[in-house]
């Protein structure tokens, strides 16, 4: 295991922490001594994780929270602050998945996914931000986006999902300007393929959300939620603004950035470069 900065006496909140990446983050925080509050729509899963960690002496609590319920989130935030005091880390990790062709996606599909992944993330930040800004100590908010917003997805049917994750990215980069010179900083996480229950949970919530199966061999470099959580927590604690679980994606992201940078070249130069490569 990597170096373990001591978080004893510090409080962290993981929204969407019952399974997958969120559970990996919870485990990595507990390993460093943090007191952790898990919020998740899957209360049974969150409670089971909390009980397993508390059996080893951790200080973990679980709460049933739906991120589309802003009042419920605000009540949860007040409860955590009343019990824990200052909050050092907030992970906005909850989300849902849609995997269906763009032409078959309905307006209801779009509203459902954006309400969870975009508005739900905003609700999470809004519920905690006033308290974070009002406390004397510093804090960091980490938002889970997706590596797919930085390079082309490698399978069809991801238009809804990638759009929602790109919106999270844009929201965070804009929010940074509002948080400049405050005690709150941001990290945005771009996970690659991670073993999670996001698909089954999304189907359970909305059966029509997924119509396509992932082709065999389409997903490379899959890692466990525990490995992803360990990498994420290390980099959050290091203060990184941008974090990925998959450094091996660098070349694919660079190719996309090179194409984007060509938009800033005079058209004649860009055309000449294309013709010279034919």
Protein backbone atom coordinates (compact mmCIF):
# COMPACT_ATOMS: atom_id res chain seq x y z
CA UNK A 1 0.00 0.00 0.00
CA UNK A 2 1.13 3.54 -0.66
CA UNK A 3 2.11 6.06 1.99
CA UNK A 4 -0.67 6.78 4.45
CA UNK A 5 -1.01 10.47 5.40
CA UNK A 6 -2.62 10.65 8.82
CA UNK A 7 -6.24 11.83 8.67
CA UNK A 8 -7.03 10.97 12.28
CA UNK A 9 -9.51 13.46 13.66
CA UNK A 10 -10.54 14.65 10.20
CA UNK A 11 -13.98 14.21 8.69
CA UNK A 12 -14.82 13.17 5.14
CA UNK A 13 -18.11 12.69 3.33
CA UNK A 14 -18.55 10.33 0.38
CA UNK A 15 -21.82 10.84 -1.48
CA UNK A 16 -22.34 7.73 -3.58
CA UNK A 17 -20.07 5.63 -1.39
CA UNK A 18 -21.91 2.32 -1.13
CA UNK A 19 -20.06 0.51 -3.91
CA UNK A 20 -17.53 0.82 -6.74
CA UNK A 21 -15.31 3.89 -6.79
CA UNK A 22 -17.11 5.44 -3.82
CA UNK A 23 -16.57 2.38 -1.64
CA UNK A 24 -12.91 2.35 -2.68
CA UNK A 25 -12.60 5.99 -1.61
CA UNK A 26 -14.26 5.20 1.73
CA UNK A 27 -11.81 2.35 2.38
CA UNK A 28 -8.81 4.50 1.47
CA UNK A 29 -9.96 7.31 3.78
CA UNK A 30 -10.60 4.89 6.66
CA UNK A 31 -7.14 3.38 6.17
CA UNK A 32 -5.75 6.86 6.86
CA UNK A 33 -7.79 7.31 10.03
CA UNK A 34 -10.57 9.61 8.78
CA UNK A 35 -14.09 9.56 10.15
CA UNK A 36 -16.33 8.99 7.14
CA UNK A 37 -20.01 9.57 6.44
CA UNK A 38 -21.43 7.61 3.51
CA UNK A 39 -24.52 8.88 1.73
CA UNK A 40 -26.17 6.71 -0.87
CA UNK A 41 -29.55 5.84 -2.32
CA UNK A 42 -28.47 2.23 -1.74
CA UNK A 43 -28.73 2.39 2.05
CA UNK A 44 -28.34 -1.37 2.50
CA UNK A 45 -25.05 -1.34 0.62
CA UNK A 46 -23.81 1.73 2.50
CA UNK A 47 -24.79 0.24 5.86
CA UNK A 48 -23.11 -3.07 5.05
CA UNK A 49 -19.87 -1.29 4.14
CA UNK A 50 -20.01 0.85 7.28
CA UNK A 51 -20.58 -2.18 9.51
CA UNK A 52 -17.70 -4.10 7.95
CA UNK A 53 -15.30 -1.20 8.50
CA UNK A 54 -16.57 -0.37 11.97
CA UNK A 55 -15.93 -3.97 13.00
CA UNK A 56 -12.25 -3.12 12.59
CA UNK A 57 -12.55 0.06 14.67
CA UNK A 58 -13.38 2.65 12.01
CA UNK A 59 -15.74 5.57 12.56
CA UNK A 60 -18.12 5.26 9.61
CA UNK A 61 -21.81 6.11 9.41
CA UNK A 62 -24.28 5.49 6.59
CA UNK A 63 -27.34 7.44 5.51
CA UNK A 64 -30.00 6.96 2.86
CA UNK A 65 -29.74 10.00 0.56
CA UNK A 66 -31.05 10.64 -2.95
CA UNK A 67 -29.04 13.38 -4.64
CA UNK A 68 -32.07 14.55 -6.60
CA UNK A 69 -33.64 15.49 -3.23
CA UNK A 70 -31.99 18.80 -2.34
CA UNK A 71 -33.86 19.11 0.97
CA UNK A 72 -32.70 15.65 2.01
CA UNK A 73 -29.12 16.49 1.09
CA UNK A 74 -29.20 19.69 3.10
CA UNK A 75 -30.60 17.85 6.12
CA UNK A 76 -27.83 15.26 5.77
CA UNK A 77 -25.18 17.99 5.58
CA UNK A 78 -26.52 19.65 8.75
CA UNK A 79 -26.52 16.30 10.53
CA UNK A 80 -22.92 15.55 9.58
CA UNK A 81 -21.72 18.98 10.69
CA UNK A 82 -23.56 18.69 14.00
CA UNK A 83 -21.81 15.39 14.72
CA UNK A 84 -18.41 15.92 13.12
CA UNK A 85 -17.76 19.65 13.11
CA UNK A 86 -15.50 20.82 10.30
CA UNK A 87 -15.47 18.71 7.14
CA UNK A 88 -12.16 18.31 5.36
CA UNK A 89 -13.15 16.35 2.26
CA UNK A 90 -16.36 16.02 0.25
CA UNK A 91 -16.57 13.47 -2.57
CA UNK A 92 -19.47 14.04 -4.99
CA UNK A 93 -19.38 10.58 -6.54
CA UNK A 94 -23.04 9.55 -6.93
CA UNK A 95 -24.33 9.09 -10.47
CA UNK A 96 -26.14 6.95 -13.00
CA UNK A 97 -25.44 5.46 -16.42
CA UNK A 98 -27.29 5.47 -19.72
CA UNK A 99 -26.17 3.34 -22.64
CA UNK A 100 -28.46 3.66 -25.64
CA UNK A 101 -28.28 5.10 -29.17
CA UNK A 102 -28.76 8.87 -29.43
CA UNK A 103 -31.59 8.43 -31.94
CA UNK A 104 -33.51 6.24 -29.51
CA UNK A 105 -32.98 8.42 -26.43
CA UNK A 106 -36.11 10.29 -25.39
CA UNK A 107 -36.50 13.63 -23.65
CA UNK A 108 -37.37 11.69 -20.50
CA UNK A 109 -34.08 9.78 -20.79
CA UNK A 110 -32.19 13.06 -20.97
CA UNK A 111 -34.04 14.63 -18.06
CA UNK A 112 -33.56 11.52 -15.91
CA UNK A 113 -29.81 11.29 -16.41
CA UNK A 114 -29.05 15.01 -16.26
CA UNK A 115 -31.16 15.35 -13.12
CA UNK A 116 -28.92 12.80 -11.41
CA UNK A 117 -25.46 13.44 -12.84
CA UNK A 118 -25.60 17.22 -13.25
CA UNK A 119 -28.31 18.64 -11.01
CA UNK A 120 -27.61 15.96 -8.38
CA UNK A 121 -23.94 16.90 -8.30
CA UNK A 122 -24.86 20.58 -8.03
CA UNK A 123 -27.28 19.72 -5.21
CA UNK A 124 -24.49 17.91 -3.37
CA UNK A 125 -22.11 20.85 -3.61
CA UNK A 126 -24.84 23.36 -2.72
CA UNK A 127 -25.80 21.40 0.39
CA UNK A 128 -22.28 21.45 1.83
CA UNK A 129 -20.68 24.59 0.41
CA UNK A 130 -22.08 27.19 2.87
CA UNK A 131 -20.76 25.19 5.81
CA UNK A 132 -17.40 24.61 4.16
CA UNK A 133 -16.99 28.31 3.42
CA UNK A 134 -18.02 29.19 6.97
CA UNK A 135 -15.55 26.94 8.76
CA UNK A 136 -12.08 28.14 9.69
CA UNK A 137 -10.25 25.13 8.28
CA UNK A 138 -9.64 24.35 4.62
CA UNK A 139 -11.57 21.76 2.67
CA UNK A 140 -11.56 20.13 -0.75
CA UNK A 141 -14.46 18.99 -2.92
CA UNK A 142 -13.77 16.15 -5.37
CA UNK A 143 -16.24 15.54 -8.22
CA UNK A 144 -16.31 12.31 -10.23
CA UNK A 145 -16.54 12.96 -13.98
CA UNK A 146 -15.24 10.51 -16.63
CA UNK A 147 -12.16 10.06 -18.82
CA UNK A 148 -14.59 9.90 -21.76
CA UNK A 149 -14.98 13.70 -21.72
CA UNK A 150 -11.29 14.10 -22.55
CA UNK A 151 -11.13 11.71 -25.49
CA UNK A 152 -13.53 9.92 -27.82
CA UNK A 153 -15.57 7.14 -26.17
CA UNK A 154 -14.58 3.72 -27.48
CA UNK A 155 -18.15 2.44 -27.87
CA UNK A 156 -21.49 3.69 -29.14
CA UNK A 157 -24.47 4.70 -27.04
CA UNK A 158 -22.70 7.03 -24.63
CA UNK A 159 -23.98 10.41 -25.82
CA UNK A 160 -26.22 10.98 -22.78
CA UNK A 161 -23.65 9.81 -20.26
CA UNK A 162 -20.72 11.72 -21.73
CA UNK A 163 -22.84 14.88 -22.05
CA UNK A 164 -23.68 14.69 -18.34
CA UNK A 165 -20.06 14.12 -17.36
CA UNK A 166 -18.85 16.95 -19.58
CA UNK A 167 -21.37 19.23 -17.86
CA UNK A 168 -19.85 18.31 -14.49
CA UNK A 169 -16.40 19.20 -15.85
CA UNK A 170 -17.59 22.57 -17.12
CA UNK A 171 -19.42 23.36 -13.91
CA UNK A 172 -16.34 22.64 -11.82
CA UNK A 173 -13.94 24.70 -13.91
CA UNK A 174 -16.34 27.64 -13.73
CA UNK A 175 -16.92 27.18 -10.00
CA UNK A 176 -13.19 27.44 -9.37
CA UNK A 177 -13.35 31.14 -10.23
CA UNK A 178 -16.02 31.69 -7.58
CA UNK A 179 -13.99 29.82 -4.97
CA UNK A 180 -10.72 31.63 -5.66
CA UNK A 181 -9.25 33.12 -2.47
CA UNK A 182 -11.56 31.02 -0.26
CA UNK A 183 -10.76 28.06 1.99
CA UNK A 184 -12.42 25.62 -0.44
CA UNK A 185 -10.61 24.01 -3.37
CA UNK A 186 -11.75 21.59 -6.06
CA UNK A 187 -10.53 18.40 -7.69
CA UNK A 188 -12.21 16.76 -10.68
CA UNK A 189 -11.73 13.06 -11.22
CA UNK A 190 -11.61 11.40 -14.65
CA UNK A 191 -11.92 7.67 -13.99
CA UNK A 192 -11.25 5.15 -16.70
CA UNK A 193 -12.83 1.66 -16.68
CA UNK A 194 -13.59 0.61 -13.10
CA UNK A 195 -15.52 -2.45 -11.88
CA UNK A 196 -18.70 -0.99 -10.40
CA UNK A 197 -22.39 -1.78 -10.03
CA UNK A 198 -23.36 1.45 -11.83
CA UNK A 199 -24.97 -0.41 -14.73
CA UNK A 200 -27.16 -2.77 -12.67
CA UNK A 201 -28.16 0.02 -10.28
CA UNK A 202 -29.10 2.28 -13.20
CA UNK A 203 -31.21 -0.48 -14.72
CA UNK A 204 -32.91 -1.05 -11.38
CA UNK A 205 -33.75 2.66 -11.16
CA UNK A 206 -34.79 3.01 -14.82
CA UNK A 207 -34.89 -0.25 -16.84
CA UNK A 208 -34.92 1.57 -20.18
CA UNK A 209 -31.70 3.47 -19.37
CA UNK A 210 -29.51 0.76 -20.92
CA UNK A 211 -30.31 -0.86 -24.25
CA UNK A 212 -26.82 -1.75 -25.43
CA UNK A 213 -24.43 -4.28 -23.94
CA UNK A 214 -20.73 -3.57 -23.81
CA UNK A 215 -19.00 -5.62 -26.54
CA UNK A 216 -16.60 -8.27 -25.28
CA UNK A 217 -13.08 -6.85 -25.40
CA UNK A 218 -14.27 -3.25 -25.70
CA UNK A 219 -13.14 -2.30 -22.20
CA UNK A 220 -9.41 -2.45 -21.55
CA UNK A 221 -7.51 -1.69 -18.36
CA UNK A 222 -10.40 -2.39 -15.98
CA UNK A 223 -9.41 -1.90 -12.34
CA UNK A 224 -11.19 -2.52 -9.05
CA UNK A 225 -13.04 0.10 -7.08
CA UNK A 226 -10.49 -0.33 -4.28
CA UNK A 227 -7.57 0.43 -6.59
CA UNK A 228 -9.37 3.42 -8.06
CA UNK A 229 -10.25 4.74 -4.60
CA UNK A 230 -6.67 4.45 -3.40
CA UNK A 231 -5.32 6.37 -6.39
CA UNK A 232 -8.01 9.04 -6.07
CA UNK A 233 -7.51 9.67 -2.36
CA UNK A 234 -3.74 9.91 -2.74
CA UNK A 235 -4.05 12.55 -5.45
CA UNK A 236 -6.82 14.47 -3.68
CA UNK A 237 -4.63 14.68 -0.59
CA UNK A 238 -1.77 15.89 -2.79
CA UNK A 239 -4.01 18.78 -3.88
CA UNK A 240 -4.27 17.89 -7.56
CA UNK A 241 -6.94 19.76 -9.53
CA UNK A 242 -7.25 17.05 -12.18
CA UNK A 243 -7.06 13.37 -11.32
CA UNK A 244 -7.30 10.17 -13.33
CA UNK A 245 -7.35 6.54 -12.31
CA UNK A 246 -5.81 5.52 -15.63
CA UNK A 247 -2.50 7.27 -16.51
CA UNK A 248 -2.28 4.94 -19.52
CA UNK A 249 -5.01 7.01 -21.20
CA UNK A 250 -2.55 9.88 -21.66
CA UNK A 251 -1.80 9.18 -25.33
CA UNK A 252 -5.49 9.09 -26.31
CA UNK A 253 -6.18 12.35 -24.48
CA UNK A 254 -3.14 13.97 -26.10
CA UNK A 255 -4.41 13.02 -29.56
CA UNK A 256 -7.71 14.76 -28.85
CA UNK A 257 -5.92 17.87 -27.51
CA UNK A 258 -3.70 18.03 -30.60
CA UNK A 259 -6.82 18.09 -32.78
CA UNK A 260 -8.35 20.83 -30.65
CA UNK A 261 -5.19 22.95 -30.80
CA UNK A 262 -5.37 22.88 -34.61
CA UNK A 263 -8.43 25.11 -34.32
CA UNK A 264 -6.09 27.91 -33.23
CA UNK A 265 -3.85 27.61 -36.29
CA UNK A 266 -4.42 29.74 -39.40
CA UNK A 267 -6.62 27.76 -41.78
CA UNK A 268 -3.96 27.71 -44.53
CA UNK A 269 -1.46 26.05 -42.21
CA UNK A 270 -4.01 23.47 -41.06
CA UNK A 271 -5.00 22.63 -44.63
CA UNK A 272 -1.36 22.37 -45.67
CA UNK A 273 -0.63 20.00 -42.80
CA UNK A 274 -3.57 17.78 -43.76
CA UNK A 275 -2.56 17.72 -47.44
CA UNK A 276 1.01 16.89 -46.54
CA UNK A 277 -0.12 13.88 -44.55
CA UNK A 278 -2.16 12.36 -47.41
